[in-house]
Amino acid sequence: MINEYERIKFIFPRYEKFIIMDFNTKIALEDVKFTFVNVLKVDLFARKLVFLITKGLIQTELDSQKSLQGQTVINKLKQEKSQIEIVVKFLEDGA
């Protein structure tokens, strides 16, 4: 049985903050945008979230349309039993 919740550290370099939360791995990553708005008290209107995993010197972008269970990089990190840290960056969505 796959554990439905995973402790994730979301790092926001732009705001010099981080959030550690028990994250439901069945939810698409982009769906946590409103959680970030409420916790960080920031306006993310017209901004796209980019989720990155860093392992050593290699940074891999995660597909924000998929859940964590659907990401192959996450499965490799789980095998190593290390805490998952996801760097969240923001891209401006122009009109």
PDB file of N, CA and C in Angstrom:
ATOM      1  N   MET A   1       0.835  -1.179   0.000  1.00  0.00           N
ATOM      2  CA  MET A   1       0.000   0.000   0.000  1.00  0.00           C
ATOM      3  C   MET A   1       0.888   1.253   0.000  1.00  0.00           C
ATOM      4  N   ILE A   2       0.549   2.195  -0.837  1.00  0.00           N
ATOM      5  CA  ILE A   2       1.304   3.440  -0.938  1.00  0.00           C
ATOM      6  C   ILE A   2       0.788   4.409   0.123  1.00  0.00           C
ATOM      7  N   ASN A   3       1.717   5.012   0.847  1.00  0.00           N
ATOM      8  CA  ASN A   3       1.342   5.989   1.859  1.00  0.00           C
ATOM      9  C   ASN A   3       0.716   7.194   1.170  1.00  0.00           C
ATOM     10  N   GLU A   4      -0.479   7.571   1.599  1.00  0.00           N
ATOM     11  CA  GLU A   4      -1.207   8.647   0.942  1.00  0.00           C
ATOM     12  C   GLU A   4      -0.624  10.029   1.252  1.00  0.00           C
ATOM     13  N   TYR A   5      -0.007  10.172   2.419  1.00  0.00           N
ATOM     14  CA  TYR A   5       0.569  11.454   2.817  1.00  0.00           C
ATOM     15  C   TYR A   5       2.079  11.335   2.963  1.00  0.00           C
ATOM     16  N   GLU A   6       2.764  12.386   2.575  1.00  0.00           N
ATOM     17  CA  GLU A   6       4.228  12.428   2.643  1.00  0.00           C
ATOM     18  C   GLU A   6       4.622  13.785   3.222  1.00  0.00           C
ATOM     19  N   ARG A   7       5.592  13.794   4.107  1.00  0.00           N
ATOM     20  CA  ARG A   7       6.068  15.064   4.673  1.00  0.00           C
ATOM     21  C   ARG A   7       6.980  15.724   3.640  1.00  0.00           C
ATOM     22  N   ILE A   8       6.577  16.908   3.183  1.00  0.00           N
ATOM     23  CA  ILE A   8       7.282  17.626   2.123  1.00  0.00           C
ATOM     24  C   ILE A   8       7.707  18.997   2.645  1.00  0.00           C
ATOM     25  N   LYS A   9       8.904  19.401   2.255  1.00  0.00           N
ATOM     26  CA  LYS A   9       9.375  20.753   2.565  1.00  0.00           C
ATOM     27  C   LYS A   9       9.346  21.552   1.264  1.00  0.00           C
ATOM     28  N   PHE A  10       8.459  22.542   1.197  1.00  0.00           N
ATOM     29  CA  PHE A  10       8.367  23.438   0.052  1.00  0.00           C
ATOM     30  C   PHE A  10       9.201  24.674   0.373  1.00  0.00           C
ATOM     31  N   ILE A  11      10.173  24.973  -0.486  1.00  0.00           N
ATOM     32  CA  ILE A  11      11.084  26.096  -0.265  1.00  0.00           C
ATOM     33  C   ILE A  11      10.767  27.201  -1.277  1.00  0.00           C
ATOM     34  N   PHE A  12      10.640  28.424  -0.779  1.00  0.00           N
ATOM     35  CA  PHE A  12      10.321  29.584  -1.611  1.00  0.00           C
ATOM     36  C   PHE A  12      11.487  30.562  -1.560  1.00  0.00           C
ATOM     37  N   PRO A  13      12.474  30.426  -2.457  1.00  0.00           N
ATOM     38  CA  PRO A  13      13.653  31.300  -2.401  1.00  0.00           C
ATOM     39  C   PRO A  13      13.315  32.780  -2.588  1.00  0.00           C
ATOM     40  N   ARG A  14      12.288  33.084  -3.357  1.00  0.00           N
ATOM     41  CA  ARG A  14      11.917  34.480  -3.606  1.00  0.00           C
ATOM     42  C   ARG A  14      11.508  35.188  -2.312  1.00  0.00           C
ATOM     43  N   TYR A  15      10.846  34.465  -1.429  1.00  0.00           N
ATOM     44  CA  TYR A  15      10.369  35.046  -0.170  1.00  0.00           C
ATOM     45  C   TYR A  15      11.236  34.658   1.027  1.00  0.00           C
ATOM     46  N   GLU A  16      12.260  33.862   0.792  1.00  0.00           N
ATOM     47  CA  GLU A  16      13.144  33.361   1.846  1.00  0.00           C
ATOM     48  C   GLU A  16      12.350  32.684   2.958  1.00  0.00           C
ATOM     49  N   LYS A  17      11.404  31.834   2.554  1.00  0.00           N
ATOM     50  CA  LYS A  17      10.555  31.101   3.491  1.00  0.00           C
ATOM     51  C   LYS A  17      10.428  29.657   3.028  1.00  0.00           C
ATOM     52  N   PHE A  18       9.954  28.820   3.952  1.00  0.00           N
ATOM     53  CA  PHE A  18       9.643  27.449   3.592  1.00  0.00           C
ATOM     54  C   PHE A  18       8.430  26.981   4.386  1.00  0.00           C
ATOM     55  N   ILE A  19       7.775  25.953   3.866  1.00  0.00           N
ATOM     56  CA  ILE A  19       6.623  25.344   4.519  1.00  0.00           C
ATOM     57  C   ILE A  19       6.873  23.847   4.569  1.00  0.00           C
ATOM     58  N   ILE A  20       6.708  23.263   5.751  1.00  0.00           N
ATOM     59  CA  ILE A  20       6.764  21.807   5.874  1.00  0.00           C
ATOM     60  C   ILE A  20       5.340  21.342   6.143  1.00  0.00           C
ATOM     61  N   MET A  21       4.854  20.440   5.304  1.00  0.00           N
ATOM     62  CA  MET A  21       3.483  19.975   5.473  1.00  0.00           C
ATOM     63  C   MET A  21       3.353  18.511   5.101  1.00  0.00           C
ATOM     64  N   ASP A  22       2.365  17.871   5.700  1.00  0.00           N
ATOM     65  CA  ASP A  22       2.011  16.513   5.301  1.00  0.00           C
ATOM     66  C   ASP A  22       1.117  16.663   4.083  1.00  0.00           C
ATOM     67  N   PHE A  23       1.651  16.297   2.937  1.00  0.00           N
ATOM     68  CA  PHE A  23       1.018  16.568   1.649  1.00  0.00           C
ATOM     69  C   PHE A  23       0.382  15.299   1.102  1.00  0.00           C
ATOM     70  N   ASN A  24      -0.861  15.408   0.657  1.00  0.00           N
ATOM     71  CA  ASN A  24      -1.547  14.281   0.032  1.00  0.00           C
ATOM     72  C   ASN A  24      -0.919  14.051  -1.340  1.00  0.00           C
ATOM     73  N   THR A  25      -0.298  12.897  -1.533  1.00  0.00           N
ATOM     74  CA  THR A  25       0.447  12.623  -2.762  1.00  0.00           C
ATOM     75  C   THR A  25      -0.452  12.347  -3.957  1.00  0.00           C
ATOM     76  N   LYS A  26      -1.764  12.320  -3.747  1.00  0.00           N
ATOM     77  CA  LYS A  26      -2.691  12.094  -4.860  1.00  0.00           C
ATOM     78  C   LYS A  26      -3.165  13.404  -5.494  1.00  0.00           C
ATOM     79  N   ILE A  27      -2.812  14.531  -4.887  1.00  0.00           N
ATOM     80  CA  ILE A  27      -3.250  15.842  -5.375  1.00  0.00           C
ATOM     81  C   ILE A  27      -2.219  16.395  -6.355  1.00  0.00           C
ATOM     82  N   ALA A  28      -2.709  17.006  -7.443  1.00  0.00           N
ATOM     83  CA  ALA A  28      -1.801  17.644  -8.401  1.00  0.00           C
ATOM     84  C   ALA A  28      -1.079  18.802  -7.718  1.00  0.00           C
ATOM     85  N   LEU A  29       0.178  18.987  -8.071  1.00  0.00           N
ATOM     86  CA  LEU A  29       0.999  20.018  -7.424  1.00  0.00           C
ATOM     87  C   LEU A  29       0.419  21.422  -7.583  1.00  0.00           C
ATOM     88  N   GLU A  30      -0.154  21.721  -8.744  1.00  0.00           N
ATOM     89  CA  GLU A  30      -0.664  23.082  -8.954  1.00  0.00           C
ATOM     90  C   GLU A  30      -1.870  23.399  -8.070  1.00  0.00           C
ATOM     91  N   ASP A  31      -2.499  22.375  -7.503  1.00  0.00           N
ATOM     92  CA  ASP A  31      -3.659  22.598  -6.644  1.00  0.00           C
ATOM     93  C   ASP A  31      -3.297  23.160  -5.271  1.00  0.00           C
ATOM     94  N   VAL A  32      -2.019  23.180  -4.917  1.00  0.00           N
ATOM     95  CA  VAL A  32      -1.621  23.736  -3.619  1.00  0.00           C
ATOM     96  C   VAL A  32      -1.341  25.239  -3.703  1.00  0.00           C
ATOM     97  N   LYS A  33      -1.555  25.821  -4.856  1.00  0.00           N
ATOM     98  CA  LYS A  33      -1.309  27.256  -5.035  1.00  0.00           C
ATOM     99  C   LYS A  33      -2.110  28.079  -4.023  1.00  0.00           C
ATOM    100  N   PHE A  34      -3.365  27.729  -3.812  1.00  0.00           N
ATOM    101  CA  PHE A  34      -4.208  28.497  -2.896  1.00  0.00           C
ATOM    102  C   PHE A  34      -3.792  28.288  -1.438  1.00  0.00           C
ATOM    103  N   THR A  35      -3.251  27.129  -1.135  1.00  0.00           N
ATOM    104  CA  THR A  35      -2.705  26.898   0.205  1.00  0.00           C
ATOM    105  C   THR A  35      -1.515  27.818   0.437  1.00  0.00           C
ATOM    106  N   PHE A  36      -0.650  27.933  -0.567  1.00  0.00           N
ATOM    107  CA  PHE A  36       0.511  28.814  -0.455  1.00  0.00           C
ATOM    108  C   PHE A  36       0.082  30.271  -0.287  1.00  0.00           C
ATOM    109  N   VAL A  37      -0.961  30.683  -1.009  1.00  0.00           N
ATOM    110  CA  VAL A  37      -1.473  32.056  -0.895  1.00  0.00           C
ATOM    111  C   VAL A  37      -1.913  32.332   0.541  1.00  0.00           C
ATOM    112  N   ASN A  38      -2.642  31.388   1.133  1.00  0.00           N
ATOM    113  CA  ASN A  38      -3.150  31.580   2.497  1.00  0.00           C
ATOM    114  C   ASN A  38      -2.046  31.551   3.547  1.00  0.00           C
ATOM    115  N   VAL A  39      -1.091  30.664   3.395  1.00  0.00           N
ATOM    116  CA  VAL A  39      -0.037  30.524   4.401  1.00  0.00           C
ATOM    117  C   VAL A  39       0.993  31.646   4.294  1.00  0.00           C
ATOM    118  N   LEU A  40       1.429  31.950   3.072  1.00  0.00           N
ATOM    119  CA  LEU A  40       2.476  32.955   2.879  1.00  0.00           C
ATOM    120  C   LEU A  40       1.946  34.385   2.840  1.00  0.00           C
ATOM    121  N   LYS A  41       0.626  34.527   2.689  1.00  0.00           N
ATOM    122  CA  LYS A  41       0.003  35.858   2.596  1.00  0.00           C
ATOM    123  C   LYS A  41       0.596  36.663   1.442  1.00  0.00           C
ATOM    124  N   VAL A  42       0.647  36.022   0.264  1.00  0.00           N
ATOM    125  CA  VAL A  42       1.158  36.675  -0.940  1.00  0.00           C
ATOM    126  C   VAL A  42       0.113  36.570  -2.043  1.00  0.00           C
ATOM    127  N   ASP A  43       0.234  37.431  -3.035  1.00  0.00           N
ATOM    128  CA  ASP A  43      -0.663  37.413  -4.182  1.00  0.00           C
ATOM    129  C   ASP A  43       0.023  36.668  -5.323  1.00  0.00           C
ATOM    130  N   LEU A  44      -0.556  35.558  -5.730  1.00  0.00           N
ATOM    131  CA  LEU A  44       0.017  34.776  -6.824  1.00  0.00           C
ATOM    132  C   LEU A  44      -0.826  34.875  -8.090  1.00  0.00           C
ATOM    133  N   PHE A  45      -1.639  35.925  -8.193  1.00  0.00           N
ATOM    134  CA  PHE A  45      -2.442  36.121  -9.388  1.00  0.00           C
ATOM    135  C   PHE A  45      -1.528  36.304 -10.593  1.00  0.00           C
ATOM    136  N   ALA A  46      -1.851  35.643 -11.685  1.00  0.00           N
ATOM    137  CA  ALA A  46      -1.098  35.705 -12.947  1.00  0.00           C
ATOM    138  C   ALA A  46       0.329  35.188 -12.789  1.00  0.00           C
ATOM    139  N   ARG A  47       0.537  34.285 -11.852  1.00  0.00           N
ATOM    140  CA  ARG A  47       1.849  33.658 -11.689  1.00  0.00           C
ATOM    141  C   ARG A  47       1.695  32.150 -11.787  1.00  0.00           C
ATOM    142  N   LYS A  48       2.614  31.557 -12.491  1.00  0.00           N
ATOM    143  CA  LYS A  48       2.629  30.102 -12.622  1.00  0.00           C
ATOM    144  C   LYS A  48       3.680  29.555 -11.664  1.00  0.00           C
ATOM    145  N   LEU A  49       3.326  28.489 -10.966  1.00  0.00           N
ATOM    146  CA  LEU A  49       4.269  27.863 -10.052  1.00  0.00           C
ATOM    147  C   LEU A  49       5.112  26.840 -10.796  1.00  0.00           C
ATOM    148  N   VAL A  50       6.399  26.856 -10.520  1.00  0.00           N
ATOM    149  CA  VAL A  50       7.328  25.875 -11.082  1.00  0.00           C
ATOM    150  C   VAL A  50       7.923  25.116  -9.902  1.00  0.00           C
ATOM    151  N   PHE A  51       7.779  23.794  -9.933  1.00  0.00           N
ATOM    152  CA  PHE A  51       8.251  22.945  -8.843  1.00  0.00           C
ATOM    153  C   PHE A  51       9.521  22.229  -9.278  1.00  0.00           C
ATOM    154  N   LEU A  52      10.568  22.338  -8.466  1.00  0.00           N
ATOM    155  CA  LEU A  52      11.868  21.758  -8.799  1.00  0.00           C
ATOM    156  C   LEU A  52      12.367  20.878  -7.658  1.00  0.00           C
ATOM    157  N   ILE A  53      12.964  19.759  -8.035  1.00  0.00           N
ATOM    158  CA  ILE A  53      13.639  18.870  -7.080  1.00  0.00           C
ATOM    159  C   ILE A  53      15.125  19.004  -7.352  1.00  0.00           C
ATOM    160  N   THR A  54      15.908  19.193  -6.299  1.00  0.00           N
ATOM    161  CA  THR A  54      17.353  19.288  -6.450  1.00  0.00           C
ATOM    162  C   THR A  54      17.992  18.066  -5.817  1.00  0.00           C
ATOM    163  N   LYS A  55      18.809  17.390  -6.612  1.00  0.00           N
ATOM    164  CA  LYS A  55      19.562  16.248  -6.097  1.00  0.00           C
ATOM    165  C   LYS A  55      21.006  16.447  -6.532  1.00  0.00           C
ATOM    166  N   GLY A  56      21.860  16.771  -5.576  1.00  0.00           N
ATOM    167  CA  GLY A  56      23.236  17.102  -5.919  1.00  0.00           C
ATOM    168  C   GLY A  56      23.261  18.408  -6.684  1.00  0.00           C
ATOM    169  N   LEU A  57      23.876  18.392  -7.852  1.00  0.00           N
ATOM    170  CA  LEU A  57      23.921  19.588  -8.694  1.00  0.00           C
ATOM    171  C   LEU A  57      22.840  19.584  -9.767  1.00  0.00           C
ATOM    172  N   ILE A  58      22.035  18.539  -9.797  1.00  0.00           N
ATOM    173  CA  ILE A  58      21.019  18.390 -10.837  1.00  0.00           C
ATOM    174  C   ILE A  58      19.668  18.863 -10.315  1.00  0.00           C
ATOM    175  N   GLN A  59      19.050  19.788 -11.066  1.00  0.00           N
ATOM    176  CA  GLN A  59      17.720  20.275 -10.733  1.00  0.00           C
ATOM    177  C   GLN A  59      16.744  19.729 -11.762  1.00  0.00           C
ATOM    178  N   THR A  60      15.683  19.084 -11.291  1.00  0.00           N
ATOM    179  CA  THR A  60      14.689  18.484 -12.170  1.00  0.00           C
ATOM    180  C   THR A  60      13.348  19.162 -11.939  1.00  0.00           C
ATOM    181  N   GLU A  61      12.709  19.590 -13.037  1.00  0.00           N
ATOM    182  CA  GLU A  61      11.398  20.222 -12.919  1.00  0.00           C
ATOM    183  C   GLU A  61      10.325  19.146 -12.853  1.00  0.00           C
ATOM    184  N   LEU A  62       9.403  19.309 -11.912  1.00  0.00           N
ATOM    185  CA  LEU A  62       8.284  18.387 -11.778  1.00  0.00           C
ATOM    186  C   LEU A  62       7.124  18.874 -12.635  1.00  0.00           C
ATOM    187  N   ASP A  63       6.288  17.946 -13.064  1.00  0.00           N
ATOM    188  CA  ASP A  63       5.094  18.286 -13.832  1.00  0.00           C
ATOM    189  C   ASP A  63       4.009  18.721 -12.852  1.00  0.00           C
ATOM    190  N   SER A  64       3.636  19.988 -12.888  1.00  0.00           N
ATOM    191  CA  SER A  64       2.662  20.511 -11.928  1.00  0.00           C
ATOM    192  C   SER A  64       1.251  19.982 -12.178  1.00  0.00           C
ATOM    193  N   GLN A  65       1.020  19.385 -13.341  1.00  0.00           N
ATOM    194  CA  GLN A  65      -0.285  18.807 -13.657  1.00  0.00           C
ATOM    195  C   GLN A  65      -0.469  17.436 -13.009  1.00  0.00           C
ATOM    196  N   LYS A  66       0.626  16.830 -12.568  1.00  0.00           N
ATOM    197  CA  LYS A  66       0.578  15.480 -11.998  1.00  0.00           C
ATOM    198  C   LYS A  66       0.689  15.526 -10.481  1.00  0.00           C
ATOM    199  N   SER A  67       0.237  14.440  -9.868  1.00  0.00           N
ATOM    200  CA  SER A  67       0.414  14.283  -8.423  1.00  0.00           C
ATOM    201  C   SER A  67       1.835  13.805  -8.155  1.00  0.00           C
ATOM    202  N   LEU A  68       2.226  13.791  -6.900  1.00  0.00           N
ATOM    203  CA  LEU A  68       3.561  13.298  -6.554  1.00  0.00           C
ATOM    204  C   LEU A  68       3.694  11.811  -6.853  1.00  0.00           C
ATOM    205  N   GLN A  69       2.598  11.064  -6.737  1.00  0.00           N
ATOM    206  CA  GLN A  69       2.651   9.635  -7.037  1.00  0.00           C
ATOM    207  C   GLN A  69       2.985   9.385  -8.500  1.00  0.00           C
ATOM    208  N   GLY A  70       2.652  10.320  -9.374  1.00  0.00           N
ATOM    209  CA  GLY A  70       2.903  10.160 -10.796  1.00  0.00           C
ATOM    210  C   GLY A  70       4.276  10.627 -11.249  1.00  0.00           C
ATOM    211  N   GLN A  71       5.110  11.076 -10.342  1.00  0.00           N
ATOM    212  CA  GLN A  71       6.433  11.604 -10.676  1.00  0.00           C
ATOM    213  C   GLN A  71       7.495  10.538 -10.411  1.00  0.00           C
ATOM    214  N   THR A  72       8.266  10.189 -11.428  1.00  0.00           N
ATOM    215  CA  THR A  72       9.289   9.148 -11.260  1.00  0.00           C
ATOM    216  C   THR A  72      10.434   9.607 -10.366  1.00  0.00           C
ATOM    217  N   VAL A  73      10.774  10.882 -10.394  1.00  0.00           N
ATOM    218  CA  VAL A  73      11.864  11.412  -9.565  1.00  0.00           C
ATOM    219  C   VAL A  73      11.535  11.245  -8.082  1.00  0.00           C
ATOM    220  N   ILE A  74      10.296  11.468  -7.714  1.00  0.00           N
ATOM    221  CA  ILE A  74       9.870  11.345  -6.316  1.00  0.00           C
ATOM    222  C   ILE A  74      10.018   9.908  -5.841  1.00  0.00           C
ATOM    223  N   ASN A  75       9.655   8.966  -6.692  1.00  0.00           N
ATOM    224  CA  ASN A  75       9.767   7.555  -6.316  1.00  0.00           C
ATOM    225  C   ASN A  75      11.215   7.175  -6.029  1.00  0.00           C
ATOM    226  N   LYS A  76      12.153   7.730  -6.781  1.00  0.00           N
ATOM    227  CA  LYS A  76      13.576   7.455  -6.534  1.00  0.00           C
ATOM    228  C   LYS A  76      14.022   8.040  -5.195  1.00  0.00           C
ATOM    229  N   LEU A  77      13.540   9.235  -4.863  1.00  0.00           N
ATOM    230  CA  LEU A  77      13.896   9.855  -3.584  1.00  0.00           C
ATOM    231  C   LEU A  77      13.320   9.075  -2.406  1.00  0.00           C
ATOM    232  N   LYS A  78      12.116   8.531  -2.579  1.00  0.00           N
ATOM    233  CA  LYS A  78      11.497   7.748  -1.513  1.00  0.00           C
ATOM    234  C   LYS A  78      12.317   6.502  -1.215  1.00  0.00           C
ATOM    235  N   GLN A  79      12.909   5.911  -2.247  1.00  0.00           N
ATOM    236  CA  GLN A  79      13.732   4.720  -2.049  1.00  0.00           C
ATOM    237  C   GLN A  79      14.958   5.054  -1.208  1.00  0.00           C
ATOM    238  N   GLU A  80      15.465   6.266  -1.334  1.00  0.00           N
ATOM    239  CA  GLU A  80      16.630   6.694  -0.559  1.00  0.00           C
ATOM    240  C   GLU A  80      16.246   7.113   0.859  1.00  0.00           C
ATOM    241  N   LYS A  81      14.951   7.196   1.122  1.00  0.00           N
ATOM    242  CA  LYS A  81      14.406   7.553   2.440  1.00  0.00           C
ATOM    243  C   LYS A  81      14.873   8.924   2.927  1.00  0.00           C
ATOM    244  N   SER A  82      15.098   9.837   2.006  1.00  0.00           N
ATOM    245  CA  SER A  82      15.461  11.197   2.399  1.00  0.00           C
ATOM    246  C   SER A  82      14.208  12.076   2.354  1.00  0.00           C
ATOM    247  N   GLN A  83      14.217  13.150   3.158  1.00  0.00           N
ATOM    248  CA  GLN A  83      13.066  14.050   3.148  1.00  0.00           C
ATOM    249  C   GLN A  83      12.993  14.727   1.787  1.00  0.00           C
ATOM    250  N   ILE A  84      11.795  14.846   1.288  1.00  0.00           N
ATOM    251  CA  ILE A  84      11.597  15.454  -0.024  1.00  0.00           C
ATOM    252  C   ILE A  84      11.528  16.969   0.148  1.00  0.00           C
ATOM    253  N   GLU A  85      12.392  17.672  -0.581  1.00  0.00           N
ATOM    254  CA  GLU A  85      12.404  19.130  -0.583  1.00  0.00           C
ATOM    255  C   GLU A  85      12.110  19.603  -1.997  1.00  0.00           C
ATOM    256  N   ILE A  86      11.087  20.422  -2.121  1.00  0.00           N
ATOM    257  CA  ILE A  86      10.678  20.935  -3.426  1.00  0.00           C
ATOM    258  C   ILE A  86      10.861  22.447  -3.422  1.00  0.00           C
ATOM    259  N   VAL A  87      11.636  22.947  -4.373  1.00  0.00           N
ATOM    260  CA  VAL A  87      11.836  24.387  -4.531  1.00  0.00           C
ATOM    261  C   VAL A  87      10.710  24.909  -5.420  1.00  0.00           C
ATOM    262  N   VAL A  88      10.043  25.962  -4.962  1.00  0.00           N
ATOM    263  CA  VAL A  88       8.925  26.539  -5.706  1.00  0.00           C
ATOM    264  C   VAL A  88       9.347  27.907  -6.219  1.00  0.00           C
ATOM    265  N   LYS A  89       9.316  28.049  -7.541  1.00  0.00           N
ATOM    266  CA  LYS A  89       9.630  29.339  -8.167  1.00  0.00           C
ATOM    267  C   LYS A  89       8.383  29.838  -8.878  1.00  0.00           C
ATOM    268  N   PHE A  90       8.352  31.118  -9.169  1.00  0.00           N
ATOM    269  CA  PHE A  90       7.185  31.741  -9.773  1.00  0.00           C
ATOM    270  C   PHE A  90       7.551  32.347 -11.120  1.00  0.00           C
ATOM    271  N   LEU A  91       6.712  32.074 -12.120  1.00  0.00           N
ATOM    272  CA  LEU A  91       6.858  32.687 -13.434  1.00  0.00           C
ATOM    273  C   LEU A  91       5.672  33.606 -13.662  1.00  0.00           C
ATOM    274  N   GLU A  92       5.948  34.780 -14.198  1.00  0.00           N
ATOM    275  CA  GLU A  92       4.877  35.726 -14.500  1.00  0.00           C
ATOM    276  C   GLU A  92       4.146  35.254 -15.751  1.00  0.00           C
ATOM    277  N   ASP A  93       2.809  35.142 -15.663  1.00  0.00           N
ATOM    278  CA  ASP A  93       1.986  34.828 -16.825  1.00  0.00           C
ATOM    279  C   ASP A  93       1.572  36.141 -17.465  1.00  0.00           C
ATOM    280  N   GLY A  94       2.130  36.430 -18.633  1.00  0.00           N
ATOM    281  CA  GLY A  94       1.802  37.678 -19.312  1.00  0.00           C
ATOM    282  C   GLY A  94       0.489  37.575 -20.061  1.00  0.00           C
ATOM    283  N   ALA A  95      -0.137  38.711 -20.302  1.00  0.00           N
ATOM    284  CA  ALA A  95      -1.411  38.736 -21.018  1.00  0.00           C
ATOM    285  C   ALA A  95      -1.172  38.837 -22.497  1.00  0.00           C
TER     286      ALA A  95
END
